[in-house]
Amino acid sequence: MSLLLSRLPGDDVGANTRKAHTGGCLCGNIRFEAKAPALKPHTCSCRMCQRHTGGLTVAWVEFAREDVMWTGPGGTPALWRSSDFSSRAFCSSCGSSLGAVDDDPVIALLVGVFDAPQRKDLIPAYHSYRTPRPKWWCVEIKDAGPGRNP
């Protein structure tokens, strides 16, 4: 089985008129709005991400903490301290994984929780931690675009 990540049609909204990113959990109790371009879009196959989400590979993007507002009726997500530098965020009502809140002023959100995951700035540019994935699971970043790979 191969996981191919390729460019998808996304919005072409310019920087001055960029629409906010929105998303949330399965039940809608936790919602967010991010009013900045996504940073460090990537996929990851580390064991922590696998256990956090149940997926062999997950797609992430980061935002500065001050650029993310929690807008749903549940307020901020529940947190579980997962390492010396980060806590995993989830909905305490439905259990949906939402991302991670790092001690750096960073909130990393899972691309699958966005209302419009096809937006161009959410397209992964690289992959982290290939080794922990099962050898039958192939990950390839396809056509991430010029300047997108670190």
N, C-alpha and C. Protein backbone atom coordinates (compact mmCIF):
# COMPACT_ATOMS: atom_id res chain seq x y z
N MET A 1 0.84 -1.17 0.00
CA MET A 1 0.00 0.00 0.00
C MET A 1 0.89 1.23 0.00
N SER A 2 0.50 2.23 -0.76
CA SER A 2 1.29 3.45 -0.87
C SER A 2 0.42 4.65 -0.56
N LEU A 3 0.95 5.55 0.20
CA LEU A 3 0.26 6.79 0.49
C LEU A 3 0.92 7.88 -0.33
N LEU A 4 0.20 8.40 -1.32
CA LEU A 4 0.73 9.46 -2.15
C LEU A 4 0.08 10.78 -1.74
N LEU A 5 0.89 11.74 -1.45
CA LEU A 5 0.40 13.06 -1.10
C LEU A 5 0.69 13.97 -2.28
N SER A 6 -0.35 14.48 -2.89
CA SER A 6 -0.13 15.31 -4.07
C SER A 6 -0.89 16.62 -3.94
N ARG A 7 -0.52 17.55 -4.81
CA ARG A 7 -1.19 18.84 -4.83
C ARG A 7 -2.64 18.65 -5.24
N LEU A 8 -3.51 19.27 -4.50
CA LEU A 8 -4.93 19.25 -4.79
C LEU A 8 -5.39 20.66 -5.06
N PRO A 9 -6.49 20.82 -5.79
CA PRO A 9 -6.98 22.19 -5.98
C PRO A 9 -7.32 22.78 -4.62
N GLY A 10 -6.83 23.96 -4.36
CA GLY A 10 -7.12 24.64 -3.11
C GLY A 10 -7.55 26.05 -3.41
N ASP A 11 -7.77 26.80 -2.38
CA ASP A 11 -8.14 28.17 -2.66
C ASP A 11 -6.90 28.95 -3.08
N ASP A 12 -7.11 29.96 -3.84
CA ASP A 12 -6.02 30.82 -4.31
C ASP A 12 -6.14 32.20 -3.68
N VAL A 13 -6.62 32.23 -2.45
CA VAL A 13 -6.83 33.49 -1.77
C VAL A 13 -5.49 34.15 -1.50
N GLY A 14 -5.35 35.42 -1.82
CA GLY A 14 -4.11 36.15 -1.60
C GLY A 14 -3.87 36.43 -0.13
N ALA A 15 -2.65 36.81 0.19
CA ALA A 15 -2.27 37.05 1.57
C ALA A 15 -3.11 38.15 2.22
N ASN A 16 -3.48 39.18 1.45
CA ASN A 16 -4.25 40.28 2.03
C ASN A 16 -5.71 39.94 2.25
N THR A 17 -6.22 38.97 1.55
CA THR A 17 -7.63 38.60 1.68
C THR A 17 -7.79 37.17 2.17
N ARG A 18 -6.77 36.59 2.73
CA ARG A 18 -6.77 35.19 3.16
C ARG A 18 -7.91 34.94 4.14
N LYS A 19 -8.68 33.91 3.84
CA LYS A 19 -9.73 33.49 4.75
C LYS A 19 -9.10 32.70 5.89
N ALA A 20 -9.69 32.81 7.04
CA ALA A 20 -9.20 32.07 8.20
C ALA A 20 -9.41 30.58 7.99
N HIS A 21 -8.52 29.80 8.56
CA HIS A 21 -8.71 28.35 8.62
C HIS A 21 -9.68 28.07 9.75
N THR A 22 -10.61 27.16 9.53
CA THR A 22 -11.53 26.74 10.58
C THR A 22 -11.59 25.23 10.63
N GLY A 23 -12.01 24.70 11.76
CA GLY A 23 -12.16 23.26 11.88
C GLY A 23 -12.62 22.90 13.27
N GLY A 24 -12.63 21.60 13.53
CA GLY A 24 -13.05 21.16 14.85
C GLY A 24 -13.18 19.66 14.95
N CYS A 25 -13.69 19.25 16.08
CA CYS A 25 -13.82 17.82 16.38
C CYS A 25 -15.05 17.21 15.73
N LEU A 26 -15.22 15.93 15.91
CA LEU A 26 -16.32 15.18 15.31
C LEU A 26 -17.69 15.65 15.80
N CYS A 27 -17.82 15.95 17.08
CA CYS A 27 -19.13 16.33 17.63
C CYS A 27 -19.40 17.83 17.55
N GLY A 28 -18.38 18.65 17.21
CA GLY A 28 -18.55 20.08 17.10
C GLY A 28 -18.38 20.85 18.40
N ASN A 29 -18.10 20.16 19.48
CA ASN A 29 -17.92 20.82 20.78
C ASN A 29 -16.67 21.70 20.80
N ILE A 30 -15.60 21.22 20.17
CA ILE A 30 -14.36 21.99 20.08
C ILE A 30 -14.22 22.47 18.64
N ARG A 31 -14.14 23.78 18.48
CA ARG A 31 -13.95 24.41 17.17
C ARG A 31 -12.80 25.39 17.28
N PHE A 32 -12.16 25.66 16.14
CA PHE A 32 -11.06 26.62 16.14
C PHE A 32 -11.11 27.49 14.91
N GLU A 33 -10.41 28.61 15.00
CA GLU A 33 -10.18 29.49 13.87
C GLU A 33 -8.73 29.92 13.94
N ALA A 34 -8.02 29.78 12.83
CA ALA A 34 -6.62 30.19 12.75
C ALA A 34 -6.52 31.26 11.68
N LYS A 35 -6.06 32.45 12.08
CA LYS A 35 -6.04 33.60 11.17
C LYS A 35 -4.65 33.89 10.63
N ALA A 36 -3.90 32.87 10.31
CA ALA A 36 -2.56 33.04 9.76
C ALA A 36 -2.29 31.89 8.81
N PRO A 37 -1.31 32.05 7.93
CA PRO A 37 -0.93 30.92 7.08
C PRO A 37 -0.40 29.77 7.94
N ALA A 38 -0.68 28.58 7.50
CA ALA A 38 -0.16 27.39 8.18
C ALA A 38 1.35 27.31 8.00
N LEU A 39 2.05 26.86 9.04
CA LEU A 39 3.50 26.70 9.01
C LEU A 39 3.86 25.22 9.10
N LYS A 40 4.99 24.86 8.50
CA LYS A 40 5.57 23.52 8.58
C LYS A 40 4.57 22.40 8.26
N PRO A 41 3.87 22.48 7.13
CA PRO A 41 2.95 21.38 6.78
C PRO A 41 3.74 20.12 6.49
N HIS A 42 3.44 19.04 7.20
CA HIS A 42 4.20 17.80 7.02
C HIS A 42 3.39 16.60 7.48
N THR A 43 3.88 15.44 7.14
CA THR A 43 3.31 14.21 7.65
C THR A 43 4.31 13.59 8.61
N CYS A 44 3.81 12.71 9.48
CA CYS A 44 4.67 12.09 10.49
C CYS A 44 4.21 10.66 10.75
N SER A 45 5.16 9.77 10.92
CA SER A 45 4.87 8.37 11.24
C SER A 45 5.52 7.94 12.55
N CYS A 46 5.79 8.89 13.46
CA CYS A 46 6.40 8.50 14.74
C CYS A 46 5.39 7.72 15.58
N ARG A 47 5.88 6.96 16.52
CA ARG A 47 5.00 6.15 17.37
C ARG A 47 4.05 7.01 18.20
N MET A 48 4.50 8.19 18.64
CA MET A 48 3.62 9.04 19.42
C MET A 48 2.43 9.51 18.59
N CYS A 49 2.68 9.93 17.35
CA CYS A 49 1.59 10.34 16.47
C CYS A 49 0.67 9.17 16.15
N GLN A 50 1.27 8.00 15.92
CA GLN A 50 0.46 6.82 15.64
C GLN A 50 -0.48 6.50 16.80
N ARG A 51 0.03 6.55 18.01
CA ARG A 51 -0.80 6.22 19.17
C ARG A 51 -1.79 7.33 19.49
N HIS A 52 -1.42 8.56 19.22
CA HIS A 52 -2.32 9.69 19.47
C HIS A 52 -3.55 9.63 18.56
N THR A 53 -3.37 9.21 17.32
CA THR A 53 -4.46 9.25 16.34
C THR A 53 -5.01 7.89 15.92
N GLY A 54 -4.21 6.85 16.08
CA GLY A 54 -4.61 5.54 15.57
C GLY A 54 -4.25 5.34 14.12
N GLY A 55 -3.66 6.35 13.49
CA GLY A 55 -3.24 6.24 12.09
C GLY A 55 -1.75 5.96 11.99
N LEU A 56 -1.35 5.31 10.91
CA LEU A 56 0.07 5.03 10.71
C LEU A 56 0.84 6.28 10.32
N THR A 57 0.16 7.21 9.68
CA THR A 57 0.76 8.48 9.28
C THR A 57 -0.28 9.56 9.50
N VAL A 58 0.16 10.70 9.99
CA VAL A 58 -0.75 11.83 10.18
C VAL A 58 -0.17 13.07 9.50
N ALA A 59 -1.05 13.97 9.11
CA ALA A 59 -0.63 15.24 8.50
C ALA A 59 -0.86 16.36 9.51
N TRP A 60 0.16 17.20 9.67
CA TRP A 60 0.16 18.28 10.66
C TRP A 60 0.46 19.62 10.01
N VAL A 61 -0.01 20.69 10.63
CA VAL A 61 0.45 22.05 10.34
C VAL A 61 0.56 22.78 11.67
N GLU A 62 1.37 23.81 11.68
CA GLU A 62 1.58 24.57 12.92
C GLU A 62 1.12 26.01 12.75
N PHE A 63 0.72 26.59 13.88
CA PHE A 63 0.35 28.01 13.95
C PHE A 63 0.95 28.56 15.24
N ALA A 64 1.29 29.83 15.23
CA ALA A 64 1.67 30.49 16.48
C ALA A 64 0.44 30.46 17.39
N ARG A 65 0.66 30.24 18.67
CA ARG A 65 -0.45 30.12 19.62
C ARG A 65 -1.40 31.31 19.55
N GLU A 66 -0.86 32.51 19.38
CA GLU A 66 -1.73 33.70 19.35
C GLU A 66 -2.60 33.78 18.10
N ASP A 67 -2.31 32.96 17.09
CA ASP A 67 -3.11 32.97 15.86
C ASP A 67 -4.26 31.97 15.86
N VAL A 68 -4.40 31.20 16.94
CA VAL A 68 -5.47 30.20 17.03
C VAL A 68 -6.45 30.61 18.13
N MET A 69 -7.74 30.66 17.76
CA MET A 69 -8.80 30.93 18.74
C MET A 69 -9.69 29.69 18.83
N TRP A 70 -10.02 29.28 20.04
CA TRP A 70 -10.94 28.16 20.25
C TRP A 70 -12.33 28.75 20.31
N THR A 71 -13.20 28.38 19.37
CA THR A 71 -14.47 29.07 19.18
C THR A 71 -15.70 28.23 19.49
N GLY A 72 -15.57 26.96 19.74
CA GLY A 72 -16.73 26.10 19.97
C GLY A 72 -17.30 26.20 21.37
N PRO A 73 -18.45 25.61 21.58
CA PRO A 73 -19.09 25.67 22.90
C PRO A 73 -18.27 25.00 24.00
N GLY A 74 -17.39 24.08 23.63
CA GLY A 74 -16.56 23.39 24.62
C GLY A 74 -15.32 24.16 25.03
N GLY A 75 -15.08 25.32 24.40
CA GLY A 75 -13.90 26.12 24.74
C GLY A 75 -12.62 25.46 24.24
N THR A 76 -11.60 25.44 25.09
CA THR A 76 -10.32 24.85 24.70
C THR A 76 -10.40 23.33 24.80
N PRO A 77 -9.61 22.63 24.00
CA PRO A 77 -9.63 21.16 24.07
C PRO A 77 -9.00 20.66 25.37
N ALA A 78 -9.32 19.44 25.72
CA ALA A 78 -8.65 18.77 26.83
C ALA A 78 -7.22 18.49 26.41
N LEU A 79 -6.32 18.45 27.38
CA LEU A 79 -4.90 18.21 27.10
C LEU A 79 -4.39 17.04 27.91
N TRP A 80 -3.48 16.28 27.29
CA TRP A 80 -2.77 15.22 27.98
C TRP A 80 -1.29 15.42 27.73
N ARG A 81 -0.51 15.54 28.80
CA ARG A 81 0.93 15.79 28.68
C ARG A 81 1.62 14.57 28.10
N SER A 82 2.15 14.69 26.88
CA SER A 82 2.71 13.54 26.17
C SER A 82 4.23 13.51 26.14
N SER A 83 4.88 14.63 26.48
CA SER A 83 6.34 14.68 26.47
C SER A 83 6.80 15.84 27.33
N ASP A 84 8.10 16.04 27.37
CA ASP A 84 8.66 17.15 28.14
C ASP A 84 8.35 18.52 27.53
N PHE A 85 7.88 18.54 26.28
CA PHE A 85 7.68 19.82 25.61
C PHE A 85 6.31 20.00 24.97
N SER A 86 5.40 19.01 25.12
CA SER A 86 4.13 19.11 24.40
C SER A 86 3.01 18.36 25.11
N SER A 87 1.79 18.81 24.83
CA SER A 87 0.58 18.14 25.30
C SER A 87 -0.31 17.85 24.11
N ARG A 88 -0.94 16.69 24.09
CA ARG A 88 -1.86 16.32 23.02
C ARG A 88 -3.23 16.89 23.31
N ALA A 89 -3.87 17.44 22.28
CA ALA A 89 -5.18 18.07 22.42
C ALA A 89 -6.25 17.16 21.85
N PHE A 90 -7.38 17.07 22.57
CA PHE A 90 -8.48 16.22 22.13
C PHE A 90 -9.79 16.74 22.70
N CYS A 91 -10.89 16.30 22.13
CA CYS A 91 -12.21 16.66 22.62
C CYS A 91 -12.60 15.69 23.74
N SER A 92 -12.94 16.22 24.89
CA SER A 92 -13.32 15.35 26.01
C SER A 92 -14.72 14.77 25.83
N SER A 93 -15.50 15.29 24.88
CA SER A 93 -16.84 14.75 24.63
C SER A 93 -16.83 13.58 23.65
N CYS A 94 -16.19 13.77 22.48
CA CYS A 94 -16.22 12.71 21.46
C CYS A 94 -14.90 11.97 21.32
N GLY A 95 -13.82 12.49 21.92
CA GLY A 95 -12.52 11.83 21.88
C GLY A 95 -11.68 12.15 20.66
N SER A 96 -12.16 13.00 19.77
CA SER A 96 -11.39 13.32 18.56
C SER A 96 -10.03 13.91 18.90
N SER A 97 -9.00 13.42 18.23
CA SER A 97 -7.68 14.01 18.32
C SER A 97 -7.68 15.29 17.49
N LEU A 98 -7.15 16.36 18.06
CA LEU A 98 -7.12 17.65 17.37
C LEU A 98 -5.71 18.10 17.03
N GLY A 99 -4.74 17.74 17.86
CA GLY A 99 -3.38 18.17 17.61
C GLY A 99 -2.54 18.18 18.87
N ALA A 100 -1.65 19.15 18.95
CA ALA A 100 -0.74 19.26 20.09
C ALA A 100 -0.55 20.73 20.43
N VAL A 101 -0.42 20.99 21.71
CA VAL A 101 -0.12 22.33 22.20
C VAL A 101 1.28 22.25 22.80
N ASP A 102 2.23 22.87 22.11
CA ASP A 102 3.63 22.80 22.54
C ASP A 102 3.95 23.89 23.54
N ASP A 103 5.00 23.65 24.33
CA ASP A 103 5.47 24.66 25.27
C ASP A 103 5.98 25.89 24.53
N ASP A 104 6.62 25.67 23.36
CA ASP A 104 6.91 26.82 22.50
C ASP A 104 5.54 27.43 22.24
N PRO A 105 5.48 28.65 21.87
CA PRO A 105 4.14 29.20 21.62
C PRO A 105 3.58 28.69 20.29
N VAL A 106 3.41 27.37 20.19
CA VAL A 106 2.97 26.74 18.94
C VAL A 106 1.79 25.81 19.21
N ILE A 107 0.81 25.86 18.31
CA ILE A 107 -0.27 24.88 18.30
C ILE A 107 -0.17 24.14 16.98
N ALA A 108 0.01 22.83 17.05
CA ALA A 108 0.07 21.99 15.85
C ALA A 108 -1.29 21.30 15.72
N LEU A 109 -1.91 21.45 14.56
CA LEU A 109 -3.23 20.87 14.34
C LEU A 109 -3.16 19.79 13.27
N LEU A 110 -3.95 18.76 13.46
CA LEU A 110 -4.04 17.68 12.48
C LEU A 110 -4.85 18.17 11.28
N VAL A 111 -4.34 17.95 10.09
CA VAL A 111 -4.99 18.46 8.88
C VAL A 111 -6.40 17.88 8.72
N GLY A 112 -6.63 16.68 9.20
CA GLY A 112 -7.95 16.05 9.07
C GLY A 112 -9.06 16.74 9.83
N VAL A 113 -8.75 17.64 10.76
CA VAL A 113 -9.79 18.33 11.53
C VAL A 113 -10.18 19.68 10.92
N PHE A 114 -9.53 20.08 9.81
CA PHE A 114 -9.86 21.34 9.16
C PHE A 114 -11.13 21.19 8.32
N ASP A 115 -11.91 22.25 8.24
CA ASP A 115 -13.11 22.23 7.40
C ASP A 115 -12.75 22.16 5.92
N ALA A 116 -11.60 22.71 5.53
CA ALA A 116 -11.16 22.72 4.13
C ALA A 116 -9.72 22.20 4.05
N PRO A 117 -9.53 20.87 4.24
CA PRO A 117 -8.18 20.33 4.25
C PRO A 117 -7.48 20.39 2.89
N GLN A 118 -8.20 20.76 1.84
CA GLN A 118 -7.58 20.85 0.51
C GLN A 118 -6.86 22.17 0.27
N ARG A 119 -6.93 23.11 1.20
CA ARG A 119 -6.26 24.40 0.99
C ARG A 119 -4.77 24.22 0.79
N LYS A 120 -4.21 25.01 -0.10
CA LYS A 120 -2.82 24.83 -0.53
C LYS A 120 -1.80 24.91 0.59
N ASP A 121 -2.01 25.78 1.57
CA ASP A 121 -1.00 25.89 2.62
C ASP A 121 -1.07 24.76 3.64
N LEU A 122 -2.00 23.82 3.45
CA LEU A 122 -2.08 22.64 4.31
C LEU A 122 -1.44 21.41 3.65
N ILE A 123 -1.03 21.53 2.40
CA ILE A 123 -0.43 20.40 1.68
C ILE A 123 0.94 20.09 2.29
N PRO A 124 1.15 18.85 2.75
CA PRO A 124 2.44 18.49 3.36
C PRO A 124 3.61 18.69 2.39
N ALA A 125 4.71 19.22 2.94
CA ALA A 125 5.91 19.45 2.15
C ALA A 125 7.00 18.43 2.44
N TYR A 126 6.91 17.72 3.55
CA TYR A 126 7.92 16.72 3.90
C TYR A 126 7.33 15.71 4.88
N HIS A 127 8.09 14.66 5.13
CA HIS A 127 7.65 13.59 6.04
C HIS A 127 8.68 13.39 7.15
N SER A 128 8.20 13.23 8.37
CA SER A 128 9.06 12.98 9.53
C SER A 128 8.90 11.54 10.01
N TYR A 129 9.97 10.97 10.50
CA TYR A 129 9.97 9.67 11.18
C TYR A 129 9.41 8.53 10.31
N ARG A 130 10.12 8.21 9.24
CA ARG A 130 9.73 7.09 8.40
C ARG A 130 9.98 5.74 9.07
N THR A 131 11.02 5.65 9.89
CA THR A 131 11.43 4.36 10.45
C THR A 131 10.36 3.66 11.27
N PRO A 132 9.56 4.34 12.11
CA PRO A 132 8.58 3.62 12.92
C PRO A 132 7.41 3.02 12.15
N ARG A 133 7.24 3.43 10.91
CA ARG A 133 6.11 2.89 10.14
C ARG A 133 6.37 1.45 9.76
N PRO A 134 5.32 0.63 9.61
CA PRO A 134 5.52 -0.73 9.11
C PRO A 134 6.15 -0.68 7.71
N LYS A 135 6.99 -1.62 7.40
CA LYS A 135 7.71 -1.59 6.12
C LYS A 135 6.77 -1.67 4.91
N TRP A 136 5.56 -2.22 5.10
CA TRP A 136 4.61 -2.28 3.99
C TRP A 136 3.91 -0.95 3.75
N TRP A 137 4.07 0.02 4.65
CA TRP A 137 3.42 1.32 4.53
C TRP A 137 4.40 2.30 3.89
N CYS A 138 4.11 2.73 2.68
CA CYS A 138 4.99 3.62 1.93
C CYS A 138 4.44 5.04 1.97
N VAL A 139 5.30 5.97 2.23
CA VAL A 139 4.90 7.38 2.26
C VAL A 139 5.75 8.13 1.24
N GLU A 140 5.09 8.88 0.39
CA GLU A 140 5.79 9.67 -0.61
C GLU A 140 5.12 11.03 -0.69
N ILE A 141 5.90 12.07 -0.60
CA ILE A 141 5.39 13.42 -0.80
C ILE A 141 5.57 13.73 -2.27
N LYS A 142 4.47 13.95 -2.96
CA LYS A 142 4.50 14.15 -4.40
C LYS A 142 4.18 15.60 -4.74
N ASP A 143 5.07 16.25 -5.48
CA ASP A 143 4.84 17.59 -6.00
C ASP A 143 4.43 18.58 -4.91
N ALA A 144 5.26 18.69 -3.91
CA ALA A 144 4.96 19.64 -2.84
C ALA A 144 5.10 21.08 -3.29
N GLY A 145 5.74 21.29 -4.43
CA GLY A 145 5.85 22.63 -4.97
C GLY A 145 7.19 23.27 -4.65
N PRO A 146 7.56 24.27 -5.43
CA PRO A 146 8.85 24.93 -5.23
C PRO A 146 8.91 25.60 -3.86
N GLY A 147 10.04 25.42 -3.21
CA GLY A 147 10.27 26.06 -1.93
C GLY A 147 9.50 25.47 -0.77
N ARG A 148 8.80 24.37 -0.96
CA ARG A 148 7.97 23.79 0.10
C ARG A 148 8.76 22.81 0.96
N ASN A 149 9.83 22.23 0.46
CA ASN A 149 10.59 21.28 1.26
C ASN A 149 11.62 22.01 2.10
N PRO A 150 11.76 21.60 3.36
CA PRO A 150 12.72 22.29 4.23
C PRO A 150 14.16 22.01 3.84
